[in-house]
Amino acid sequence: MTADPTATATPDTDWYDRDTRTIAGVEKLRFFPQVAATGHGTYLITPSGRQVLDLSASWTASGLGHGHPRIVEAVTAAMAAPPGASLLSGTHPHAVRLAEELLDLVPTTGRHRRGVYLGHAGTDANDVALRAARNATGRRRIIAFEHGYHGGLGTSMAISGVHIDAGASPEPDLTLVPYPDPYRPWIDPDTLLADTMALVQRHLADGDVAAVIVEPIQSDGGVIVPPAGFLTRLRVLTRKYAALLVVDEVKVGLSRTGHLMAHHIEDVVPDIVTLGKALGGGLPLSAAIGPASALDTPAASALMTTIGNPVSCAAGLAVLDILRDGALAHAAQDRGAQLTEALRHYAASDRPGAAHIGDIRGRGLAIGVELVEPGTKTPDPVLAAKAVLAGWHLGIIAYPVRGNVIEITPPLTITHDEVTTATHLLTEAIDWAALGHVTDDDIAPYSGW
């Protein structure tokens, strides 16, 4: 065992204190006093020079690591002589090429012309996708899933179960249905998928649903991997009732699950696919790919000056070029299997925190570790908060989702040795939390979700 990781204050607290005094809390989600001055690969470096292994990749936005040389090269060249800063009233080659490559890489349904919306974040990509579905169908109702996350503002927030759970006002024309969670099934586990599909079908049969929006893995809702056949059966139902299927790949797309897109696991072809986070290689960039007849109208209905800016688009082109050969998707499978095996070995041990492991699940490098009260399935969000705080002091960054699930989404470039280090530090952190070495007072300053 190491020394108590919470015993010594970080030497970087000055920056954190200044952040507290100056930056609005409305844009903060704090779990520990994280301050980073620089980053390289899978590590962030604090102002004092401490290296911290990043198991979040900035909620997957730095999916290819920090400072990837090919992205740096592309962004530097674009910034040196940029063709303006907007796609709003004139185009440029970076945006056109990015849209062409996305159309090539991400098939969607329809025999007619397809188009790409280029935006800043998954939030606006999903907002545009849902408005496009309503315009295309002439219907208003949206079906989404409980505990889902599709964005942090506007319609995307108002259809996100995570925000609604926290008190946000739901979209008036929203229907939330349970996501099929094998660990915490909302109904008889033997009929979980069939009953979920029957419920979706009953709502679709009303004939007023514009779209069903779904995450292939429910990320912020607890890294929930649905039963096999879930997306396939959603595709059949949405087609039967003439509703659009919008697949939100913002967090788990772009090779994270070991496939370029998570929905490729079931060979499903959605009507609209949304991307964000890792697409920009650390810069703000998102996309909605789907039928042009839906995304083109009404004209000029998603006006933000810097959408499709050449620097972000250059980063996106570099990201797609890096991912194209599939090597990082294959690496995600290998490193994810290594990480999962090590965590399951820990859960089967007699170490202090092992009895608190309720479930370990995921695909590729999207992994969730659910912490519970020993011998039960009762969620233990306090233990999760204490474990991630201990992890920060020990030298890793990982955040909890749905309260009690530690989400592991490191850069896809993480190495075998770094995974070994990561699992050692993460399990050490869970042990420290389980032993009571992190107190309620220690976590009190960090509000989290």
Protein backbone atom coordinates (compact mmCIF):
# COMPACT_ATOMS: atom_id res chain seq x y z
CA MET A 1 0.00 0.00 0.00
CA THR A 2 1.13 3.54 -0.71
CA ALA A 3 0.78 6.45 1.66
CA ASP A 4 -2.68 7.96 2.05
CA PRO A 5 -3.23 9.71 -1.31
CA THR A 6 -5.34 12.47 0.23
CA ALA A 7 -2.88 13.38 2.97
CA THR A 8 -0.84 15.89 0.98
CA ALA A 9 -2.42 18.88 -0.72
CA THR A 10 -1.67 19.28 -4.42
CA PRO A 11 0.89 21.99 -5.19
CA ASP A 12 -1.40 23.12 -8.02
CA THR A 13 -4.22 24.38 -5.82
CA ASP A 14 -3.56 28.03 -6.72
CA TRP A 15 -4.83 27.52 -10.27
CA TYR A 16 -7.83 25.58 -9.00
CA ASP A 17 -8.65 28.34 -6.51
CA ARG A 18 -8.41 30.97 -9.25
CA ASP A 19 -10.73 28.89 -11.42
CA THR A 20 -13.21 28.78 -8.53
CA ARG A 21 -13.16 32.57 -8.28
CA THR A 22 -13.44 33.35 -12.00
CA ILE A 23 -15.09 30.65 -14.13
CA ALA A 24 -18.86 30.19 -13.97
CA GLY A 25 -20.06 27.07 -12.21
CA VAL A 26 -22.70 26.46 -14.88
CA GLU A 27 -19.99 24.95 -17.09
CA LYS A 28 -18.26 22.85 -14.43
CA LEU A 29 -18.46 19.20 -13.46
CA ARG A 30 -15.83 18.72 -10.76
CA PHE A 31 -14.90 15.46 -9.03
CA PHE A 32 -11.44 16.41 -7.72
CA PRO A 33 -9.04 19.37 -7.97
CA GLN A 34 -7.89 18.60 -11.49
CA VAL A 35 -5.52 21.13 -13.04
CA ALA A 36 -3.53 20.39 -16.19
CA ALA A 37 -1.01 22.68 -17.84
CA THR A 38 0.01 20.45 -20.77
CA GLY A 39 -0.61 17.00 -22.13
CA HIS A 40 1.18 14.36 -24.14
CA GLY A 41 -0.21 11.06 -25.37
CA THR A 42 -2.19 9.43 -22.59
CA TYR A 43 -0.87 11.75 -19.89
CA LEU A 44 -1.84 15.18 -18.61
CA ILE A 45 0.80 17.20 -16.77
CA THR A 46 -0.07 19.56 -13.93
CA PRO A 47 1.53 23.01 -13.57
CA SER A 48 3.95 21.54 -11.05
CA GLY A 49 5.03 18.83 -13.50
CA ARG A 50 3.13 15.84 -12.06
CA GLN A 51 2.12 13.33 -14.75
CA VAL A 52 -1.39 11.90 -14.49
CA LEU A 53 -2.58 8.98 -16.61
CA ASP A 54 -5.79 10.06 -18.35
CA LEU A 55 -8.42 7.31 -18.33
CA SER A 56 -11.15 9.65 -19.54
CA ALA A 57 -9.59 11.35 -22.56
CA SER A 58 -11.62 14.44 -21.65
CA TRP A 59 -14.85 12.42 -21.79
CA THR A 60 -13.46 10.90 -25.07
CA ALA A 61 -12.95 14.30 -26.77
CA SER A 62 -9.19 13.59 -26.80
CA GLY A 63 -9.84 10.13 -28.16
CA LEU A 64 -6.53 9.92 -30.01
CA GLY A 65 -4.56 11.26 -27.08
CA HIS A 66 -3.17 14.68 -26.26
CA GLY A 67 -1.04 16.36 -28.90
CA HIS A 68 -1.16 13.62 -31.54
CA PRO A 69 1.57 14.69 -34.00
CA ARG A 70 -0.53 14.23 -37.14
CA ILE A 71 -3.35 16.32 -35.70
CA VAL A 72 -0.87 18.97 -34.55
CA GLU A 73 0.60 19.12 -38.05
CA ALA A 74 -2.81 19.46 -39.70
CA VAL A 75 -4.07 22.11 -37.29
CA THR A 76 -0.85 24.12 -37.46
CA ALA A 77 -0.99 24.22 -41.26
CA ALA A 78 -4.66 25.22 -41.27
CA MET A 79 -4.12 27.95 -38.68
CA ALA A 80 -1.11 29.39 -40.48
CA ALA A 81 -3.18 30.51 -43.48
CA PRO A 82 -6.86 29.94 -42.69
CA PRO A 83 -9.53 30.56 -45.36
CA GLY A 84 -11.58 32.55 -42.88
CA ALA A 85 -13.18 31.07 -39.79
CA SER A 86 -16.63 30.02 -40.95
CA LEU A 87 -18.71 27.85 -43.25
CA LEU A 88 -21.72 30.10 -42.76
CA SER A 89 -21.65 32.22 -45.92
CA GLY A 90 -18.90 30.61 -47.95
CA THR A 91 -17.24 27.24 -48.19
CA HIS A 92 -13.65 26.02 -48.07
CA PRO A 93 -11.84 22.79 -49.06
CA HIS A 94 -11.34 21.47 -45.51
CA ALA A 95 -15.09 21.40 -44.85
CA VAL A 96 -15.98 19.93 -48.23
CA ARG A 97 -13.38 17.18 -47.95
CA LEU A 98 -14.43 16.36 -44.39
CA ALA A 99 -18.07 16.08 -45.45
CA GLU A 100 -17.13 13.87 -48.40
CA GLU A 101 -15.07 11.57 -46.19
CA LEU A 102 -17.83 11.30 -43.60
CA LEU A 103 -20.32 10.36 -46.31
CA ASP A 104 -17.88 7.71 -47.52
CA LEU A 105 -17.21 6.28 -44.05
CA VAL A 106 -20.70 6.47 -42.52
CA PRO A 107 -23.44 4.93 -44.67
CA THR A 108 -27.00 5.90 -43.82
CA THR A 109 -30.30 4.83 -45.33
CA GLY A 110 -31.94 6.24 -48.42
CA ARG A 111 -31.33 5.99 -52.13
CA HIS A 112 -31.29 9.75 -52.54
CA ARG A 113 -28.61 12.33 -51.84
CA ARG A 114 -27.18 12.46 -48.34
CA GLY A 115 -25.70 15.43 -46.56
CA VAL A 116 -23.56 16.39 -43.57
CA TYR A 117 -24.15 19.05 -40.94
CA LEU A 118 -20.85 20.22 -39.44
CA GLY A 119 -21.12 21.71 -35.96
CA HIS A 120 -19.32 22.27 -32.69
CA ALA A 121 -20.45 19.45 -30.38
CA GLY A 122 -22.72 16.46 -30.05
CA THR A 123 -25.28 18.80 -28.53
CA ASP A 124 -25.89 20.78 -31.70
CA ALA A 125 -25.49 17.74 -33.97
CA ASN A 126 -28.27 15.95 -32.11
CA ASP A 127 -30.42 19.08 -32.02
CA VAL A 128 -30.12 19.43 -35.79
CA ALA A 129 -30.78 15.70 -36.32
CA LEU A 130 -34.00 15.82 -34.30
CA ARG A 131 -35.23 18.99 -35.99
CA ALA A 132 -34.45 17.39 -39.35
CA ALA A 133 -36.50 14.33 -38.39
CA ARG A 134 -39.45 16.50 -37.44
CA ASN A 135 -39.22 18.48 -40.66
CA ALA A 136 -38.93 15.34 -42.79
CA THR A 137 -41.83 13.47 -41.18
CA GLY A 138 -44.15 16.30 -40.20
CA ARG A 139 -44.39 14.71 -36.76
CA ARG A 140 -43.34 16.02 -33.35
CA ARG A 141 -42.84 13.16 -30.94
CA ILE A 142 -39.36 11.90 -30.07
CA ILE A 143 -38.68 8.55 -28.40
CA ALA A 144 -35.51 8.47 -26.31
CA PHE A 145 -34.30 6.28 -23.46
CA GLU A 146 -34.21 6.78 -19.72
CA HIS A 147 -30.78 7.82 -18.38
CA GLY A 148 -29.60 8.70 -21.88
CA TYR A 149 -27.38 11.66 -22.73
CA HIS A 150 -27.60 13.54 -26.02
CA GLY A 151 -26.42 17.03 -25.14
CA GLY A 152 -26.20 19.86 -22.65
CA LEU A 153 -28.40 22.60 -24.16
CA GLY A 154 -31.75 23.08 -25.85
CA THR A 155 -33.65 20.15 -27.34
CA SER A 156 -30.68 17.81 -26.91
CA MET A 157 -30.71 18.48 -23.17
CA ALA A 158 -34.51 18.28 -22.95
CA ILE A 159 -34.57 14.73 -24.36
CA SER A 160 -31.63 13.52 -22.25
CA GLY A 161 -32.72 11.33 -19.36
CA VAL A 162 -29.57 12.21 -17.39
CA HIS A 163 -30.59 15.88 -17.31
CA ILE A 164 -34.25 15.12 -16.71
CA ASP A 165 -33.25 12.92 -13.78
CA ALA A 166 -31.40 15.95 -12.40
CA GLY A 167 -34.43 18.22 -12.70
CA ALA A 168 -34.24 19.64 -16.23
CA SER A 169 -37.56 20.28 -17.98
CA PRO A 170 -38.30 17.56 -20.53
CA GLU A 171 -39.21 18.28 -24.13
CA PRO A 172 -43.04 18.46 -24.30
CA ASP A 173 -43.21 15.90 -27.12
CA LEU A 174 -40.78 13.42 -25.53
CA THR A 175 -41.48 9.82 -24.63
CA LEU A 176 -38.82 8.15 -22.48
CA VAL A 177 -38.67 4.37 -22.37
CA PRO A 178 -36.36 2.16 -20.28
CA TYR A 179 -33.02 1.24 -21.81
CA PRO A 180 -32.51 -2.55 -21.73
CA ASP A 181 -29.92 -2.84 -18.94
CA PRO A 182 -28.94 -6.49 -18.38
CA TYR A 183 -27.47 -5.75 -14.92
CA ARG A 184 -30.44 -3.71 -13.71
CA PRO A 185 -33.33 -4.88 -15.90
CA TRP A 186 -36.54 -2.86 -15.64
CA ILE A 187 -38.56 -6.05 -16.13
CA ASP A 188 -38.05 -9.85 -16.11
CA PRO A 189 -34.46 -10.33 -17.37
CA ASP A 190 -35.53 -13.34 -19.45
CA THR A 191 -37.85 -11.12 -21.50
CA LEU A 192 -35.94 -7.84 -21.22
CA LEU A 193 -35.29 -7.25 -24.91
CA ALA A 194 -38.69 -8.47 -26.07
CA ASP A 195 -40.56 -6.35 -23.52
CA THR A 196 -38.49 -3.26 -24.32
CA MET A 197 -39.23 -3.66 -28.01
CA ALA A 198 -42.92 -4.22 -27.33
CA LEU A 199 -43.04 -0.96 -25.37
CA VAL A 200 -41.27 0.95 -28.15
CA GLN A 201 -43.63 -0.54 -30.70
CA ARG A 202 -46.72 0.53 -28.75
CA HIS A 203 -45.51 4.14 -28.86
CA LEU A 204 -44.51 3.96 -32.53
CA ALA A 205 -47.90 2.52 -33.43
CA ASP A 206 -49.55 5.81 -32.46
CA GLY A 207 -48.19 7.19 -35.72
CA ASP A 208 -46.91 10.50 -34.38
CA VAL A 209 -43.22 9.67 -33.78
CA ALA A 210 -40.67 11.58 -35.84
CA ALA A 211 -37.57 9.78 -34.54
CA VAL A 212 -36.12 7.32 -32.10
CA ILE A 213 -32.73 8.50 -30.83
CA VAL A 214 -30.48 5.96 -29.16
CA GLU A 215 -26.92 5.42 -27.95
CA PRO A 216 -25.41 2.06 -29.01
CA ILE A 217 -23.88 1.98 -25.53
CA GLN A 218 -25.52 4.23 -22.97
CA SER A 219 -22.43 6.06 -21.79
CA ASP A 220 -23.24 8.68 -19.15
CA GLY A 221 -26.17 6.51 -18.13
CA GLY A 222 -23.73 3.98 -16.69
CA VAL A 223 -21.84 2.42 -19.63
CA ILE A 224 -24.78 0.11 -20.35
CA VAL A 225 -24.25 -2.47 -23.09
CA PRO A 226 -27.67 -3.55 -24.38
CA PRO A 227 -28.57 -7.13 -25.30
CA ALA A 228 -27.58 -8.37 -28.75
CA GLY A 229 -30.21 -7.50 -31.34
CA PHE A 230 -31.36 -4.27 -29.68
CA LEU A 231 -30.34 -1.93 -32.51
CA THR A 232 -31.42 -4.40 -35.17
CA ARG A 233 -34.92 -4.61 -33.76
CA LEU A 234 -35.12 -0.83 -33.36
CA ARG A 235 -34.21 -0.52 -37.04
CA VAL A 236 -37.01 -2.91 -38.03
CA LEU A 237 -39.59 -1.07 -35.93
CA THR A 238 -38.65 2.45 -37.00
CA ARG A 239 -38.77 1.42 -40.64
CA LYS A 240 -42.17 -0.25 -40.15
CA TYR A 241 -43.69 2.90 -38.63
CA ALA A 242 -41.87 5.42 -40.87
CA ALA A 243 -39.91 7.05 -38.04
CA LEU A 244 -36.26 7.97 -38.39
CA LEU A 245 -33.62 6.08 -36.42
CA VAL A 246 -30.99 8.49 -35.08
CA VAL A 247 -27.92 6.73 -33.67
CA ASP A 248 -25.87 8.91 -31.33
CA GLU A 249 -22.23 7.85 -31.77
CA VAL A 250 -20.85 11.02 -30.17
CA LYS A 251 -19.13 9.23 -27.30
CA VAL A 252 -18.60 5.64 -28.41
CA GLY A 253 -18.07 6.07 -32.16
CA LEU A 254 -14.82 6.40 -34.09
CA SER A 255 -13.19 3.09 -33.11
CA ARG A 256 -13.72 3.23 -29.33
CA THR A 257 -15.67 -0.04 -29.19
CA GLY A 258 -13.27 -1.85 -31.51
CA HIS A 259 -15.40 -0.95 -34.55
CA LEU A 260 -15.34 2.30 -36.48
CA MET A 261 -18.95 2.83 -35.32
CA ALA A 262 -20.57 1.00 -32.45
CA HIS A 263 -23.69 0.28 -34.51
CA HIS A 264 -21.52 -1.67 -36.98
CA ILE A 265 -21.50 -4.49 -34.43
CA GLU A 266 -25.03 -5.35 -35.59
CA ASP A 267 -24.63 -4.18 -39.21
CA VAL A 268 -27.42 -1.66 -38.68
CA VAL A 269 -27.78 1.24 -41.10
CA PRO A 270 -29.40 4.22 -39.34
CA ASP A 271 -31.21 7.12 -40.96
CA ILE A 272 -29.01 9.70 -39.21
CA VAL A 273 -25.69 9.21 -37.38
CA THR A 274 -24.31 11.90 -35.09
CA LEU A 275 -20.65 12.31 -34.17
CA GLY A 276 -18.68 14.64 -31.92
CA LYS A 277 -16.02 14.56 -29.20
CA ALA A 278 -13.15 12.51 -30.74
CA LEU A 279 -14.01 13.72 -34.27
CA GLY A 280 -12.22 17.01 -33.60
CA GLY A 281 -9.11 15.47 -32.06
CA GLY A 282 -9.52 17.79 -29.08
CA LEU A 283 -11.08 20.71 -30.98
CA PRO A 284 -14.81 21.52 -31.15
CA LEU A 285 -16.29 19.55 -34.06
CA SER A 286 -19.41 17.50 -34.62
CA ALA A 287 -21.41 16.07 -37.48
CA ALA A 288 -24.84 14.78 -38.35
CA ILE A 289 -24.90 12.53 -41.42
CA GLY A 290 -28.19 11.65 -43.07
CA PRO A 291 -30.65 12.32 -45.88
CA ALA A 292 -30.11 15.72 -47.47
CA SER A 293 -33.87 16.11 -47.85
CA ALA A 294 -34.08 16.23 -44.04
CA LEU A 295 -30.86 18.07 -43.20
CA ASP A 296 -31.26 20.76 -45.91
CA THR A 297 -34.50 22.20 -44.59
CA PRO A 298 -35.47 24.66 -43.43
CA ALA A 299 -32.55 26.57 -44.92
CA ALA A 300 -30.31 28.54 -42.54
CA SER A 301 -31.92 27.01 -39.45
CA ALA A 302 -28.71 26.22 -37.51
CA LEU A 303 -26.69 29.41 -37.71
CA MET A 304 -23.51 29.54 -35.64
CA THR A 305 -20.70 31.60 -37.10
CA THR A 306 -17.75 29.29 -36.48
CA ILE A 307 -19.34 25.96 -37.40
CA GLY A 308 -17.29 24.16 -40.02
CA ASN A 309 -14.30 26.38 -39.33
CA PRO A 310 -11.19 25.25 -41.23
CA VAL A 311 -9.01 24.52 -38.20
CA SER A 312 -11.50 22.13 -36.62
CA CYS A 313 -12.21 20.56 -40.01
CA ALA A 314 -8.47 20.03 -40.60
CA ALA A 315 -8.31 18.24 -37.25
CA GLY A 316 -11.30 16.11 -38.24
CA LEU A 317 -9.67 15.13 -41.52
CA ALA A 318 -6.53 14.09 -39.65
CA VAL A 319 -8.58 12.02 -37.18
CA LEU A 320 -10.38 10.15 -39.96
CA ASP A 321 -7.09 9.56 -41.77
CA ILE A 322 -5.53 8.10 -38.62
CA LEU A 323 -8.51 5.81 -38.00
CA ARG A 324 -8.98 4.69 -41.58
CA ASP A 325 -6.71 1.63 -41.51
CA GLY A 326 -8.45 0.14 -38.45
CA ALA A 327 -5.30 -0.25 -36.37
CA LEU A 328 -6.64 1.78 -33.44
CA ALA A 329 -9.96 -0.08 -33.54
CA HIS A 330 -8.05 -3.34 -33.25
CA ALA A 331 -5.92 -1.87 -30.46
CA ALA A 332 -9.09 -0.82 -28.61
CA GLN A 333 -10.26 -4.43 -28.65
CA ASP A 334 -6.91 -5.70 -27.33
CA ARG A 335 -6.38 -3.06 -24.66
CA GLY A 336 -10.02 -3.23 -23.61
CA ALA A 337 -9.77 -6.99 -23.16
CA GLN A 338 -6.56 -6.55 -21.15
CA LEU A 339 -8.15 -3.93 -18.90
CA THR A 340 -11.37 -5.90 -18.39
CA GLU A 341 -9.50 -9.11 -17.55
CA ALA A 342 -7.34 -7.33 -14.97
CA LEU A 343 -10.38 -5.70 -13.35
CA ARG A 344 -12.25 -9.01 -13.19
CA HIS A 345 -9.22 -10.61 -11.59
CA TYR A 346 -9.30 -7.86 -8.98
CA ALA A 347 -13.03 -8.33 -8.41
CA ALA A 348 -12.45 -12.03 -7.68
CA SER A 349 -9.69 -11.31 -5.16
CA ASP A 350 -9.81 -10.71 -1.40
CA ARG A 351 -8.56 -7.15 -1.66
CA PRO A 352 -10.48 -4.50 0.34
CA GLY A 353 -12.42 -3.01 -2.57
CA ALA A 354 -13.17 -6.20 -4.47
CA ALA A 355 -16.45 -6.89 -2.65
CA HIS A 356 -17.72 -3.51 -3.86
CA ILE A 357 -17.46 -4.44 -7.56
CA GLY A 358 -20.97 -5.16 -8.75
CA ASP A 359 -20.32 -5.36 -12.47
CA ILE A 360 -17.61 -4.78 -15.08
CA ARG A 361 -18.90 -4.22 -18.58
CA GLY A 362 -18.19 -2.54 -21.88
CA ARG A 363 -16.84 -2.96 -25.37
CA GLY A 364 -13.33 -2.09 -26.46
CA LEU A 365 -12.12 0.94 -24.53
CA ALA A 366 -15.55 1.97 -23.25
CA ILE A 367 -15.67 0.23 -19.87
CA GLY A 368 -17.77 0.74 -16.76
CA VAL A 369 -16.95 -0.44 -13.24
CA GLU A 370 -20.09 -0.41 -11.11
CA LEU A 371 -19.57 0.02 -7.37
CA VAL A 372 -22.19 -1.32 -4.98
CA GLU A 373 -22.67 -2.11 -1.33
CA PRO A 374 -21.10 -5.56 -0.72
CA GLY A 375 -23.40 -8.50 -1.29
CA THR A 376 -26.08 -6.35 -2.98
CA LYS A 377 -26.81 -4.40 -6.14
CA THR A 378 -27.39 -1.22 -4.13
CA PRO A 379 -25.47 1.59 -5.88
CA ASP A 380 -22.68 3.21 -3.86
CA PRO A 381 -22.11 6.67 -5.40
CA VAL A 382 -20.25 7.91 -2.31
CA LEU A 383 -17.65 5.16 -2.68
CA ALA A 384 -17.31 6.01 -6.39
CA ALA A 385 -16.73 9.69 -5.56
CA LYS A 386 -14.09 8.72 -3.01
CA ALA A 387 -12.41 6.28 -5.39
CA VAL A 388 -12.00 8.81 -8.22
CA LEU A 389 -10.64 11.42 -5.78
CA ALA A 390 -8.12 8.89 -4.50
CA GLY A 391 -7.30 8.01 -8.10
CA TRP A 392 -6.46 11.63 -8.88
CA HIS A 393 -4.01 11.79 -6.01
CA LEU A 394 -2.50 8.44 -6.99
CA GLY A 395 -2.04 9.56 -10.60
CA ILE A 396 -5.08 8.71 -12.76
CA ILE A 397 -8.09 10.58 -14.11
CA ALA A 398 -11.40 8.71 -14.20
CA TYR A 399 -14.89 10.02 -13.58
CA PRO A 400 -18.11 8.46 -12.27
CA VAL A 401 -21.27 8.29 -14.38
CA ARG A 402 -24.78 7.59 -13.12
CA GLY A 403 -23.35 8.16 -9.68
CA ASN A 404 -21.73 4.83 -8.91
CA VAL A 405 -20.10 3.68 -12.18
CA ILE A 406 -16.48 4.56 -12.85
CA GLU A 407 -16.16 5.15 -16.58
CA ILE A 408 -12.92 4.08 -18.28
CA THR A 409 -12.44 5.65 -21.73
CA PRO A 410 -8.70 6.33 -22.19
CA PRO A 411 -7.16 7.53 -25.44
CA LEU A 412 -7.18 4.80 -28.07
CA THR A 413 -3.40 5.13 -28.19
CA ILE A 414 -2.94 3.73 -24.67
CA THR A 415 -0.23 1.06 -24.52
CA HIS A 416 -0.08 -2.36 -22.89
CA ASP A 417 2.20 -1.07 -20.13
CA GLU A 418 -0.01 1.96 -19.52
CA VAL A 419 -3.05 -0.30 -19.12
CA THR A 420 -1.10 -2.31 -16.54
CA THR A 421 -0.29 0.90 -14.68
CA ALA A 422 -3.87 2.12 -14.98
CA THR A 423 -5.43 -1.00 -13.50
CA HIS A 424 -2.93 -1.00 -10.65
CA LEU A 425 -3.72 2.59 -9.74
CA LEU A 426 -7.48 2.27 -10.22
CA THR A 427 -7.76 -0.80 -8.02
CA GLU A 428 -5.50 0.85 -5.44
CA ALA A 429 -7.85 3.84 -5.43
CA ILE A 430 -10.92 1.64 -4.92
CA ASP A 431 -9.13 -0.10 -2.05
CA TRP A 432 -8.31 3.21 -0.38
CA ALA A 433 -11.92 4.32 -0.66
CA ALA A 434 -13.19 1.01 0.71
CA LEU A 435 -10.78 1.21 3.67
CA GLY A 436 -12.14 4.64 4.62
CA HIS A 437 -8.97 6.57 3.86
CA VAL A 438 -11.01 9.10 1.87
CA THR A 439 -13.57 10.88 4.03
CA ASP A 440 -16.90 12.56 3.37
CA ASP A 441 -15.20 15.89 4.06
CA ASP A 442 -12.61 15.13 1.36
CA ILE A 443 -15.25 14.80 -1.36
CA ALA A 444 -17.57 17.53 -0.09
CA PRO A 445 -16.08 20.36 -2.23
CA TYR A 446 -16.73 18.48 -5.49
CA SER A 447 -20.35 18.48 -6.59
CA GLY A 448 -19.92 16.18 -9.58
CA TRP A 449 -23.15 15.57 -11.42
